[in-house]
C-alpha atoms as a PDB file:
ATOM      1  CA  MET A   1     100.119  64.093 119.176  1.00  0.00           C
ATOM      2  CA  LYS A   2     100.315  65.937 115.858  1.00  0.00           C
ATOM      3  CA  THR A   3     102.103  69.281 115.749  1.00  0.00           C
ATOM      4  CA  PHE A   4      98.904  71.247 115.016  1.00  0.00           C
ATOM      5  CA  GLU A   5      97.174  69.697 118.030  1.00  0.00           C
ATOM      6  CA  GLN A   6     100.193  70.397 120.242  1.00  0.00           C
ATOM      7  CA  GLN A   7     100.214  73.995 119.087  1.00  0.00           C
ATOM      8  CA  GLN A   8      96.465  74.367 119.605  1.00  0.00           C
ATOM      9  CA  ARG A   9      96.761  73.029 123.159  1.00  0.00           C
ATOM     10  CA  LYS A  10      99.627  75.437 123.874  1.00  0.00           C
ATOM     11  CA  MET A  11      97.632  78.389 122.546  1.00  0.00           C
ATOM     12  CA  ARG A  12      94.566  77.467 124.616  1.00  0.00           C
ATOM     13  CA  THR A  13      96.095  76.512 127.950  1.00  0.00           C
ATOM     14  CA  GLN A  14      99.560  77.991 128.518  1.00  0.00           C
ATOM     15  CA  ASP A  15     100.387  81.340 130.079  1.00  0.00           C
ATOM     16  CA  GLY A  16     102.225  83.704 127.757  1.00  0.00           C
ATOM     17  CA  PHE A  17     101.700  86.155 124.918  1.00  0.00           C
ATOM     18  CA  ILE A  18     102.080  86.543 121.150  1.00  0.00           C
ATOM     19  CA  ALA A  19     105.022  88.438 119.670  1.00  0.00           C
ATOM     20  CA  ALA A  20     103.921  90.405 116.597  1.00  0.00           C
ATOM     21  CA  LEU A  21     106.876  90.603 114.197  1.00  0.00           C
ATOM     22  CA  ASP A  22     104.844  91.248 111.062  1.00  0.00           C
ATOM     23  CA  GLN A  23     105.615  94.803 109.941  1.00  0.00           C
ATOM     24  CA  SER A  24     105.440  94.752 106.153  1.00  0.00           C
ATOM     25  CA  GLY A  25     105.471  96.947 103.090  1.00  0.00           C
ATOM     26  CA  GLY A  26     105.073 100.569 104.112  1.00  0.00           C
ATOM     27  CA  SER A  27     105.659  99.909 107.821  1.00  0.00           C
ATOM     28  CA  THR A  28     109.059  98.226 107.337  1.00  0.00           C
ATOM     29  CA  PRO A  29     111.098 101.477 106.955  1.00  0.00           C
ATOM     30  CA  LYS A  30     109.549 102.849 110.154  1.00  0.00           C
ATOM     31  CA  ALA A  31     110.394  99.624 112.007  1.00  0.00           C
ATOM     32  CA  LEU A  32     114.001  99.857 110.813  1.00  0.00           C
ATOM     33  CA  ASN A  33     114.166 103.548 111.731  1.00  0.00           C
ATOM     34  CA  LEU A  34     113.029 102.752 115.277  1.00  0.00           C
ATOM     35  CA  TYR A  35     115.701 100.048 115.339  1.00  0.00           C
ATOM     36  CA  GLY A  36     118.299 102.746 114.701  1.00  0.00           C
ATOM     37  CA  LEU A  37     118.760 102.256 110.950  1.00  0.00           C
ATOM     38  CA  GLY A  38     118.103 105.304 108.767  1.00  0.00           C
ATOM     39  CA  ASN A  39     116.738 105.106 105.244  1.00  0.00           C
ATOM     40  CA  ASP A  40     120.300 105.433 103.940  1.00  0.00           C
ATOM     41  CA  ALA A  41     121.123 102.000 105.422  1.00  0.00           C
ATOM     42  CA  TRP A  42     119.566 100.198 102.445  1.00  0.00           C
ATOM     43  CA  SER A  43     119.178 100.593  98.723  1.00  0.00           C
ATOM     44  CA  GLY A  44     116.111  98.923  97.256  1.00  0.00           C
ATOM     45  CA  GLU A  45     113.416  96.662  98.627  1.00  0.00           C
ATOM     46  CA  GLU A  46     115.448  93.443  98.741  1.00  0.00           C
ATOM     47  CA  GLN A  47     118.159  95.036 100.880  1.00  0.00           C
ATOM     48  CA  MET A  48     115.498  96.540 103.134  1.00  0.00           C
ATOM     49  CA  TYR A  49     113.867  93.152 103.686  1.00  0.00           C
ATOM     50  CA  ALA A  50     117.254  91.534 104.301  1.00  0.00           C
ATOM     51  CA  LEU A  51     117.916  94.090 107.042  1.00  0.00           C
ATOM     52  CA  VAL A  52     114.523  93.594 108.671  1.00  0.00           C
ATOM     53  CA  HIS A  53     115.095  89.830 108.619  1.00  0.00           C
ATOM     54  CA  GLN A  54     118.418  90.376 110.379  1.00  0.00           C
ATOM     55  CA  MET A  55     116.547  92.408 112.990  1.00  0.00           C
ATOM     56  CA  ARG A  56     113.884  89.737 113.466  1.00  0.00           C
ATOM     57  CA  THR A  57     116.505  86.987 113.568  1.00  0.00           C
ATOM     58  CA  ARG A  58     118.339  88.853 116.318  1.00  0.00           C
ATOM     59  CA  ILE A  59     115.083  89.152 118.292  1.00  0.00           C
ATOM     60  CA  ILE A  60     114.014  85.526 117.776  1.00  0.00           C
ATOM     61  CA  THR A  61     117.432  84.083 118.671  1.00  0.00           C
ATOM     62  CA  THR A  62     117.778  85.960 121.979  1.00  0.00           C
ATOM     63  CA  PRO A  63     117.619  83.659 125.036  1.00  0.00           C
ATOM     64  CA  ALA A  64     114.395  85.383 126.173  1.00  0.00           C
ATOM     65  CA  PHE A  65     112.524  84.477 122.986  1.00  0.00           C
ATOM     66  CA  ASN A  66     111.251  80.990 123.735  1.00  0.00           C
ATOM     67  CA  GLY A  67     108.059  79.089 124.405  1.00  0.00           C
ATOM     68  CA  ASP A  68     108.224  79.441 128.176  1.00  0.00           C
ATOM     69  CA  ARG A  69     106.793  82.962 128.028  1.00  0.00           C
ATOM     70  CA  ILE A  70     106.007  83.491 124.325  1.00  0.00           C
ATOM     71  CA  LEU A  71     103.168  81.414 122.876  1.00  0.00           C
ATOM     72  CA  ALA A  72     103.406  82.440 119.248  1.00  0.00           C
ATOM     73  CA  ALA A  73     104.993  84.840 116.773  1.00  0.00           C
ATOM     74  CA  ILE A  74     103.235  86.575 113.883  1.00  0.00           C
ATOM     75  CA  LEU A  75     105.321  86.702 110.707  1.00  0.00           C
ATOM     76  CA  PHE A  76     105.215  88.668 107.463  1.00  0.00           C
ATOM     77  CA  GLU A  77     105.241  86.439 104.348  1.00  0.00           C
ATOM     78  CA  ASN A  78     108.781  87.553 103.465  1.00  0.00           C
ATOM     79  CA  THR A  79     109.961  86.366 106.893  1.00  0.00           C
ATOM     80  CA  MET A  80     108.170  83.025 106.485  1.00  0.00           C
ATOM     81  CA  ASP A  81     110.016  82.539 103.189  1.00  0.00           C
ATOM     82  CA  ARG A  82     113.447  83.003 104.789  1.00  0.00           C
ATOM     83  CA  ASP A  83     115.550  80.834 107.111  1.00  0.00           C
ATOM     84  CA  ILE A  84     116.903  81.235 110.632  1.00  0.00           C
ATOM     85  CA  GLN A  85     120.036  79.239 111.467  1.00  0.00           C
ATOM     86  CA  GLY A  86     119.513  76.918 108.505  1.00  0.00           C
ATOM     87  CA  GLN A  87     115.800  76.172 109.088  1.00  0.00           C
ATOM     88  CA  PRO A  88     112.715  77.793 107.565  1.00  0.00           C
ATOM     89  CA  THR A  89     111.599  80.480 110.013  1.00  0.00           C
ATOM     90  CA  ALA A  90     108.377  78.686 111.036  1.00  0.00           C
ATOM     91  CA  ASP A  91     110.256  75.429 111.668  1.00  0.00           C
ATOM     92  CA  TYR A  92     112.931  77.216 113.701  1.00  0.00           C
ATOM     93  CA  LEU A  93     110.267  78.901 115.820  1.00  0.00           C
ATOM     94  CA  TRP A  94     108.546  75.613 116.689  1.00  0.00           C
ATOM     95  CA  ASN A  95     111.379  73.074 116.607  1.00  0.00           C
ATOM     96  CA  VAL A  96     113.965  75.177 118.442  1.00  0.00           C
ATOM     97  CA  ARG A  97     112.000  77.804 120.378  1.00  0.00           C
ATOM     98  CA  ARG A  98     108.642  76.029 120.891  1.00  0.00           C
ATOM     99  CA  VAL A  99     106.896  79.171 119.630  1.00  0.00           C
ATOM    100  CA  VAL A 100     103.814  78.728 117.414  1.00  0.00           C
ATOM    101  CA  PRO A 101     104.182  80.329 113.936  1.00  0.00           C
ATOM    102  CA  ILE A 102     101.399  82.585 112.630  1.00  0.00           C
ATOM    103  CA  LEU A 103     101.265  84.421 109.291  1.00  0.00           C
ATOM    104  CA  LYS A 104      99.926  87.901 108.481  1.00  0.00           C
ATOM    105  CA  VAL A 105      97.759  87.436 105.360  1.00  0.00           C
ATOM    106  CA  ASP A 106      96.049  90.780 104.714  1.00  0.00           C
ATOM    107  CA  LYS A 107      97.264  93.069 101.932  1.00  0.00           C
ATOM    108  CA  GLY A 108      96.782  96.339 103.752  1.00  0.00           C
ATOM    109  CA  LEU A 109      93.925  98.757 104.271  1.00  0.00           C
ATOM    110  CA  ALA A 110      91.415 100.262 101.846  1.00  0.00           C
ATOM    111  CA  GLU A 111      90.550 103.965 101.917  1.00  0.00           C
ATOM    112  CA  GLU A 112      88.410 105.115 104.850  1.00  0.00           C
ATOM    113  CA  ARG A 113      84.646 104.845 104.373  1.00  0.00           C
ATOM    114  CA  ASP A 114      81.892 105.078 107.015  1.00  0.00           C
ATOM    115  CA  GLY A 115      84.582 105.745 109.617  1.00  0.00           C
ATOM    116  CA  VAL A 116      86.498 102.513 109.000  1.00  0.00           C
ATOM    117  CA  GLN A 117      89.188 101.044 106.792  1.00  0.00           C
ATOM    118  CA  LEU A 118      88.308  97.611 105.471  1.00  0.00           C
ATOM    119  CA  MET A 119      90.963  95.191 104.269  1.00  0.00           C
ATOM    120  CA  LYS A 120      91.965  95.386 100.630  1.00  0.00           C
ATOM    121  CA  PRO A 121      90.767  92.452  98.491  1.00  0.00           C
ATOM    122  CA  MET A 122      92.816  89.257  98.790  1.00  0.00           C
ATOM    123  CA  PRO A 123      92.253  87.396  95.497  1.00  0.00           C
ATOM    124  CA  ALA A 124      95.299  85.149  96.044  1.00  0.00           C
ATOM    125  CA  LEU A 125      94.374  84.197  99.630  1.00  0.00           C
ATOM    126  CA  ASP A 126      93.691  80.515  98.923  1.00  0.00           C
ATOM    127  CA  ALA A 127      97.127  80.119  97.334  1.00  0.00           C
ATOM    128  CA  LEU A 128      98.774  81.894 100.285  1.00  0.00           C
ATOM    129  CA  LEU A 129      96.936  79.672 102.779  1.00  0.00           C
ATOM    130  CA  ALA A 130      98.059  76.546 100.910  1.00  0.00           C
ATOM    131  CA  LYS A 131     101.633  77.860 100.964  1.00  0.00           C
ATOM    132  CA  ALA A 132     101.344  78.561 104.686  1.00  0.00           C
ATOM    133  CA  ARG A 133     100.101  75.031 105.366  1.00  0.00           C
ATOM    134  CA  GLY A 134     103.059  73.696 103.401  1.00  0.00           C
ATOM    135  CA  LYS A 135     105.406  75.744 105.589  1.00  0.00           C
ATOM    136  CA  ARG A 136     103.764  74.416 108.775  1.00  0.00           C
ATOM    137  CA  ILE A 137     102.064  77.637 109.826  1.00  0.00           C
ATOM    138  CA  PHE A 138      99.407  77.263 112.554  1.00  0.00           C
ATOM    139  CA  GLY A 139      97.277  80.346 112.042  1.00  0.00           C
ATOM    140  CA  THR A 140      96.862  83.710 110.354  1.00  0.00           C
ATOM    141  CA  LYS A 141      96.326  87.370 111.195  1.00  0.00           C
ATOM    142  CA  MET A 142      94.467  90.084 109.297  1.00  0.00           C
ATOM    143  CA  ARG A 143      93.888  93.686 110.331  1.00  0.00           C
ATOM    144  CA  SER A 144      91.282  96.333 109.630  1.00  0.00           C
ATOM    145  CA  VAL A 145      90.806  99.645 111.471  1.00  0.00           C
ATOM    146  CA  ILE A 146      87.866 101.443 113.093  1.00  0.00           C
ATOM    147  CA  LYS A 147      88.252 105.223 113.368  1.00  0.00           C
ATOM    148  CA  GLN A 148      84.706 106.299 114.229  1.00  0.00           C
ATOM    149  CA  ALA A 149      81.824 104.821 116.234  1.00  0.00           C
ATOM    150  CA  ASN A 150      79.841 104.300 113.014  1.00  0.00           C
ATOM    151  CA  ALA A 151      77.457 101.339 113.169  1.00  0.00           C
ATOM    152  CA  ASP A 152      77.426 100.767 109.398  1.00  0.00           C
ATOM    153  CA  GLY A 153      81.204 100.869 109.129  1.00  0.00           C
ATOM    154  CA  ILE A 154      81.768  98.612 112.131  1.00  0.00           C
ATOM    155  CA  GLY A 155      79.172  96.173 110.819  1.00  0.00           C
ATOM    156  CA  ALA A 156      81.021  96.006 107.507  1.00  0.00           C
ATOM    157  CA  ILE A 157      84.351  95.427 109.291  1.00  0.00           C
ATOM    158  CA  VAL A 158      82.998  92.554 111.367  1.00  0.00           C
ATOM    159  CA  GLN A 159      81.254  90.946 108.411  1.00  0.00           C
ATOM    160  CA  GLN A 160      84.410  91.087 106.261  1.00  0.00           C
ATOM    161  CA  GLN A 161      86.652  89.779 109.039  1.00  0.00           C
ATOM    162  CA  PHE A 162      84.456  86.754 109.755  1.00  0.00           C
ATOM    163  CA  GLU A 163      83.799  86.032 106.087  1.00  0.00           C
ATOM    164  CA  VAL A 164      87.546  85.789 105.459  1.00  0.00           C
ATOM    165  CA  GLY A 165      87.980  84.024 108.803  1.00  0.00           C
ATOM    166  CA  ARG A 166      85.674  81.198 107.707  1.00  0.00           C
ATOM    167  CA  GLN A 167      87.715  80.852 104.504  1.00  0.00           C
ATOM    168  CA  ILE A 168      90.862  80.487 106.610  1.00  0.00           C
ATOM    169  CA  VAL A 169      89.256  77.920 108.936  1.00  0.00           C
ATOM    170  CA  ALA A 170      88.189  75.907 105.882  1.00  0.00           C
ATOM    171  CA  ALA A 171      91.842  75.847 104.777  1.00  0.00           C
ATOM    172  CA  GLY A 172      92.818  74.205 108.074  1.00  0.00           C
ATOM    173  CA  LEU A 173      94.306  77.236 109.846  1.00  0.00           C
ATOM    174  CA  VAL A 174      93.193  79.280 112.868  1.00  0.00           C
ATOM    175  CA  PRO A 175      92.518  82.945 112.001  1.00  0.00           C
ATOM    176  CA  ILE A 176      93.287  85.875 114.264  1.00  0.00           C
ATOM    177  CA  ILE A 177      90.483  88.330 113.554  1.00  0.00           C
ATOM    178  CA  GLU A 178      91.793  91.867 114.159  1.00  0.00           C
ATOM    179  CA  PRO A 179      89.308  94.759 113.908  1.00  0.00           C
ATOM    180  CA  GLU A 180      91.484  97.400 115.584  1.00  0.00           C
ATOM    181  CA  VAL A 181      89.797 100.397 117.188  1.00  0.00           C
ATOM    182  CA  ASP A 182      92.103 103.389 116.708  1.00  0.00           C
ATOM    183  CA  ILE A 183      93.105 104.693 120.153  1.00  0.00           C
ATOM    184  CA  LYS A 184      92.416 108.214 118.787  1.00  0.00           C
ATOM    185  CA  CYS A 185      88.787 107.355 117.939  1.00  0.00           C
ATOM    186  CA  PRO A 186      86.669 110.252 119.359  1.00  0.00           C
ATOM    187  CA  ASP A 187      84.148 107.820 120.892  1.00  0.00           C
ATOM    188  CA  LYS A 188      86.411 104.844 121.487  1.00  0.00           C
ATOM    189  CA  ALA A 189      84.170 103.308 124.163  1.00  0.00           C
ATOM    190  CA  GLY A 190      81.125 103.605 121.911  1.00  0.00           C
ATOM    191  CA  ALA A 191      82.955 102.023 118.993  1.00  0.00           C
ATOM    192  CA  GLU A 192      84.087  99.149 121.215  1.00  0.00           C
ATOM    193  CA  LYS A 193      80.539  98.413 122.380  1.00  0.00           C
ATOM    194  CA  LEU A 194      79.311  98.282 118.791  1.00  0.00           C
ATOM    195  CA  LEU A 195      82.252  96.086 117.850  1.00  0.00           C
ATOM    196  CA  LYS A 196      81.728  93.655 120.705  1.00  0.00           C
ATOM    197  CA  ALA A 197      78.038  93.207 119.841  1.00  0.00           C
ATOM    198  CA  GLY A 198      78.935  92.497 116.222  1.00  0.00           C
ATOM    199  CA  ILE A 199      81.666  90.026 117.162  1.00  0.00           C
ATOM    200  CA  VAL A 200      79.461  88.057 119.569  1.00  0.00           C
ATOM    201  CA  ALA A 201      76.710  87.803 116.950  1.00  0.00           C
ATOM    202  CA  GLN A 202      79.209  86.395 114.442  1.00  0.00           C
ATOM    203  CA  LEU A 203      80.767  84.008 116.973  1.00  0.00           C
ATOM    204  CA  ASP A 204      77.330  82.584 117.770  1.00  0.00           C
ATOM    205  CA  ARG A 205      76.904  81.637 114.094  1.00  0.00           C
ATOM    206  CA  LEU A 206      80.056  79.529 113.941  1.00  0.00           C
ATOM    207  CA  ALA A 207      79.921  75.756 114.034  1.00  0.00           C
ATOM    208  CA  PRO A 208      81.414  74.163 117.186  1.00  0.00           C
ATOM    209  CA  ASP A 209      84.618  73.146 115.378  1.00  0.00           C
ATOM    210  CA  GLN A 210      85.251  76.576 113.793  1.00  0.00           C
ATOM    211  CA  LEU A 211      87.874  78.088 116.114  1.00  0.00           C
ATOM    212  CA  VAL A 212      89.116  81.673 115.860  1.00  0.00           C
ATOM    213  CA  MET A 213      91.268  84.056 117.864  1.00  0.00           C
ATOM    214  CA  LEU A 214      90.495  87.739 118.352  1.00  0.00           C
ATOM    215  CA  LYS A 215      93.041  90.573 118.421  1.00  0.00           C
ATOM    216  CA  LEU A 216      91.479  93.702 119.883  1.00  0.00           C
ATOM    217  CA  THR A 217      92.451  97.157 121.103  1.00  0.00           C
ATOM    218  CA  LEU A 218      92.782  97.458 124.880  1.00  0.00           C
ATOM    219  CA  PRO A 219      89.256  98.618 125.808  1.00  0.00           C
ATOM    220  CA  GLU A 220      88.091 101.665 127.729  1.00  0.00           C
ATOM    221  CA  GLN A 221      85.706  99.499 129.792  1.00  0.00           C
ATOM    222  CA  ASP A 222      87.733  96.900 131.649  1.00  0.00           C
ATOM    223  CA  ASN A 223      86.839  93.281 130.860  1.00  0.00           C
ATOM    224  CA  LEU A 224      84.494  94.371 128.065  1.00  0.00           C
ATOM    225  CA  TYR A 225      85.465  91.274 126.085  1.00  0.00           C
ATOM    226  CA  ALA A 226      84.886  88.720 128.877  1.00  0.00           C
ATOM    227  CA  ASP A 227      82.045  87.113 126.879  1.00  0.00           C
ATOM    228  CA  CYS A 228      84.375  86.676 123.916  1.00  0.00           C
ATOM    229  CA  ILE A 229      87.110  85.152 126.094  1.00  0.00           C
ATOM    230  CA  ALA A 230      84.608  82.604 127.444  1.00  0.00           C
ATOM    231  CA  HIS A 231      83.050  81.795 124.045  1.00  0.00           C
ATOM    232  CA  ARG A 232      83.345  78.166 122.899  1.00  0.00           C
ATOM    233  CA  ASN A 233      84.652  79.182 119.467  1.00  0.00           C
ATOM    234  CA  VAL A 234      87.425  81.461 120.741  1.00  0.00           C
ATOM    235  CA  LEU A 235      90.844  79.928 121.252  1.00  0.00           C
ATOM    236  CA  ARG A 236      92.349  83.143 122.662  1.00  0.00           C
ATOM    237  CA  VAL A 237      91.636  86.866 122.902  1.00  0.00           C
ATOM    238  CA  VAL A 238      94.762  88.978 122.505  1.00  0.00           C
ATOM    239  CA  ALA A 239      95.428  92.692 122.789  1.00  0.00           C
ATOM    240  CA  LEU A 240      97.320  94.954 120.407  1.00  0.00           C
ATOM    241  CA  SER A 241      99.371  97.785 121.876  1.00  0.00           C
ATOM    242  CA  GLY A 242      97.849 100.245 119.405  1.00  0.00           C
ATOM    243  CA  GLY A 243     100.327 103.070 119.908  1.00  0.00           C
ATOM    244  CA  TYR A 244     100.378 102.968 123.698  1.00  0.00           C
ATOM    245  CA  SER A 245     103.830 102.802 125.268  1.00  0.00           C
ATOM    246  CA  ARG A 246     104.810  99.395 126.620  1.00  0.00           C
ATOM    247  CA  GLN A 247     104.309 100.646 130.171  1.00  0.00           C
ATOM    248  CA  GLU A 248     100.819 101.971 129.447  1.00  0.00           C
ATOM    249  CA  ALA A 249      99.855  98.919 127.364  1.00  0.00           C
ATOM    250  CA  ASN A 250     100.973  96.570 130.149  1.00  0.00           C
ATOM    251  CA  ARG A 251      99.105  98.635 132.739  1.00  0.00           C
ATOM    252  CA  ARG A 252      95.873  98.478 130.738  1.00  0.00           C
ATOM    253  CA  LEU A 253      96.329  94.806 129.861  1.00  0.00           C
ATOM    254  CA  ALA A 254      96.824  93.774 133.487  1.00  0.00           C
ATOM    255  CA  ARG A 255      93.244  94.910 134.172  1.00  0.00           C
ATOM    256  CA  GLN A 256      91.768  92.659 131.448  1.00  0.00           C
ATOM    257  CA  HIS A 257      91.273  89.203 132.956  1.00  0.00           C
ATOM    258  CA  GLY A 258      91.993  86.400 130.505  1.00  0.00           C
ATOM    259  CA  MET A 259      93.256  88.704 127.754  1.00  0.00           C
ATOM    260  CA  ILE A 260      96.898  88.342 126.672  1.00  0.00           C
ATOM    261  CA  ALA A 261      99.258  90.574 124.727  1.00  0.00           C
ATOM    262  CA  SER A 262     100.058  90.511 121.043  1.00  0.00           C
ATOM    263  CA  PHE A 263     102.386  93.492 120.974  1.00  0.00           C
ATOM    264  CA  SER A 264     104.505  94.643 118.057  1.00  0.00           C
ATOM    265  CA  ARG A 265     106.109  98.057 118.533  1.00  0.00           C
ATOM    266  CA  ALA A 266     105.710  97.882 122.321  1.00  0.00           C
ATOM    267  CA  LEU A 267     107.628  94.582 122.410  1.00  0.00           C
ATOM    268  CA  VAL A 268     110.707  95.949 120.632  1.00  0.00           C
ATOM    269  CA  GLU A 269     110.537  99.444 122.147  1.00  0.00           C
ATOM    270  CA  GLY A 270     114.074 100.678 122.815  1.00  0.00           C
ATOM    271  CA  LEU A 271     115.901  97.900 120.930  1.00  0.00           C
ATOM    272  CA  THR A 272     118.497  99.174 118.458  1.00  0.00           C
ATOM    273  CA  ALA A 273     121.023  97.743 116.027  1.00  0.00           C
ATOM    274  CA  GLN A 274     123.768  99.600 117.874  1.00  0.00           C
ATOM    275  CA  MET A 275     123.260  97.757 121.192  1.00  0.00           C
ATOM    276  CA  SER A 276     125.789  95.144 122.278  1.00  0.00           C
ATOM    277  CA  ASP A 277     124.481  91.567 122.312  1.00  0.00           C
ATOM    278  CA  GLY A 278     124.510  91.582 126.100  1.00  0.00           C
ATOM    279  CA  ALA A 279     122.519  94.798 126.360  1.00  0.00           C
ATOM    280  CA  PHE A 280     120.132  93.638 123.627  1.00  0.00           C
ATOM    281  CA  ASP A 281     119.480  90.289 125.358  1.00  0.00           C
ATOM    282  CA  GLU A 282     118.924  92.019 128.695  1.00  0.00           C
ATOM    283  CA  ALA A 283     116.476  94.522 127.208  1.00  0.00           C
ATOM    284  CA  MET A 284     114.571  91.726 125.447  1.00  0.00           C
ATOM    285  CA  ASP A 285     114.314  89.714 128.658  1.00  0.00           C
ATOM    286  CA  GLU A 286     112.974  92.729 130.534  1.00  0.00           C
ATOM    287  CA  ALA A 287     110.399  93.444 127.829  1.00  0.00           C
ATOM    288  CA  VAL A 288     109.294  89.807 127.597  1.00  0.00           C
ATOM    289  CA  GLN A 289     108.930  89.478 131.372  1.00  0.00           C
ATOM    290  CA  GLY A 290     106.888  92.658 131.720  1.00  0.00           C
ATOM    291  CA  ILE A 291     104.486  91.685 128.939  1.00  0.00           C
ATOM    292  CA  PHE A 292     104.286  88.096 130.260  1.00  0.00           C
ATOM    293  CA  GLU A 293     103.313  89.303 133.734  1.00  0.00           C
ATOM    294  CA  ALA A 294     100.650  91.651 132.349  1.00  0.00           C
ATOM    295  CA  SER A 295      99.247  88.734 130.305  1.00  0.00           C
ATOM    296  CA  ARG A 296      98.820  86.450 133.325  1.00  0.00           C
ATOM    297  CA  THR A 297      95.983  88.361 135.008  1.00  0.00           C
END
């Protein structure tokens, strides 16, 4: 069986969750700060990215980080371009850890309009997708944000996400469509109902062989996205932690049947550069197990 087909079967059928290790650009300093490294720990962008790669390498090479409980890992392009233990990161993830590699492809958020932030234009997306295929990446992730229950704004978000998603499918990759609802949205439940209706309408227009994944905020109405989870075109529906603590995110996730985690900050909560390897490995194992259990419901 070809690697892509093996990875697709793993994503569809195995218990587990997705580790989101894709902080980039403006979010990298914050990620390093939370890891216990102040802004004085680096000088210039290259040194900053070298440090964040050291952090990600430490996470990925812990005993807990393997395909038994982790289905996939989302990478930033800079991480994809680097090596772990002598192998390109994506190859190390699959060959050594049996974790499916996924690439963040969006270029950040546009200014807020109609209560949402669309993705910035991605004129070089085709070239990036070709590069990703060459580096044996399985799928992609792209994020936009909903801040108000505004029908026009949410409609624009969904349309943009699926338009780019079809471009990614055509390139031979599986897109993770991520229209995040801000957990501080004044009418979060209302925004989620509008979003779900828009997503289902777009899913129903896909051809049978056009597979996507969805990455969504943990909803106010439990099991709101059950129709999406059961949809023929959806490989997996995953949840972002969205600013909730790991404990709260796990608690909410455990109530969503068939939805699994794709946590970023909540996964690495409490991990620091100053921890001994033993303490670091133990903390990672505890985090992975908690998120794994919440993803099995």
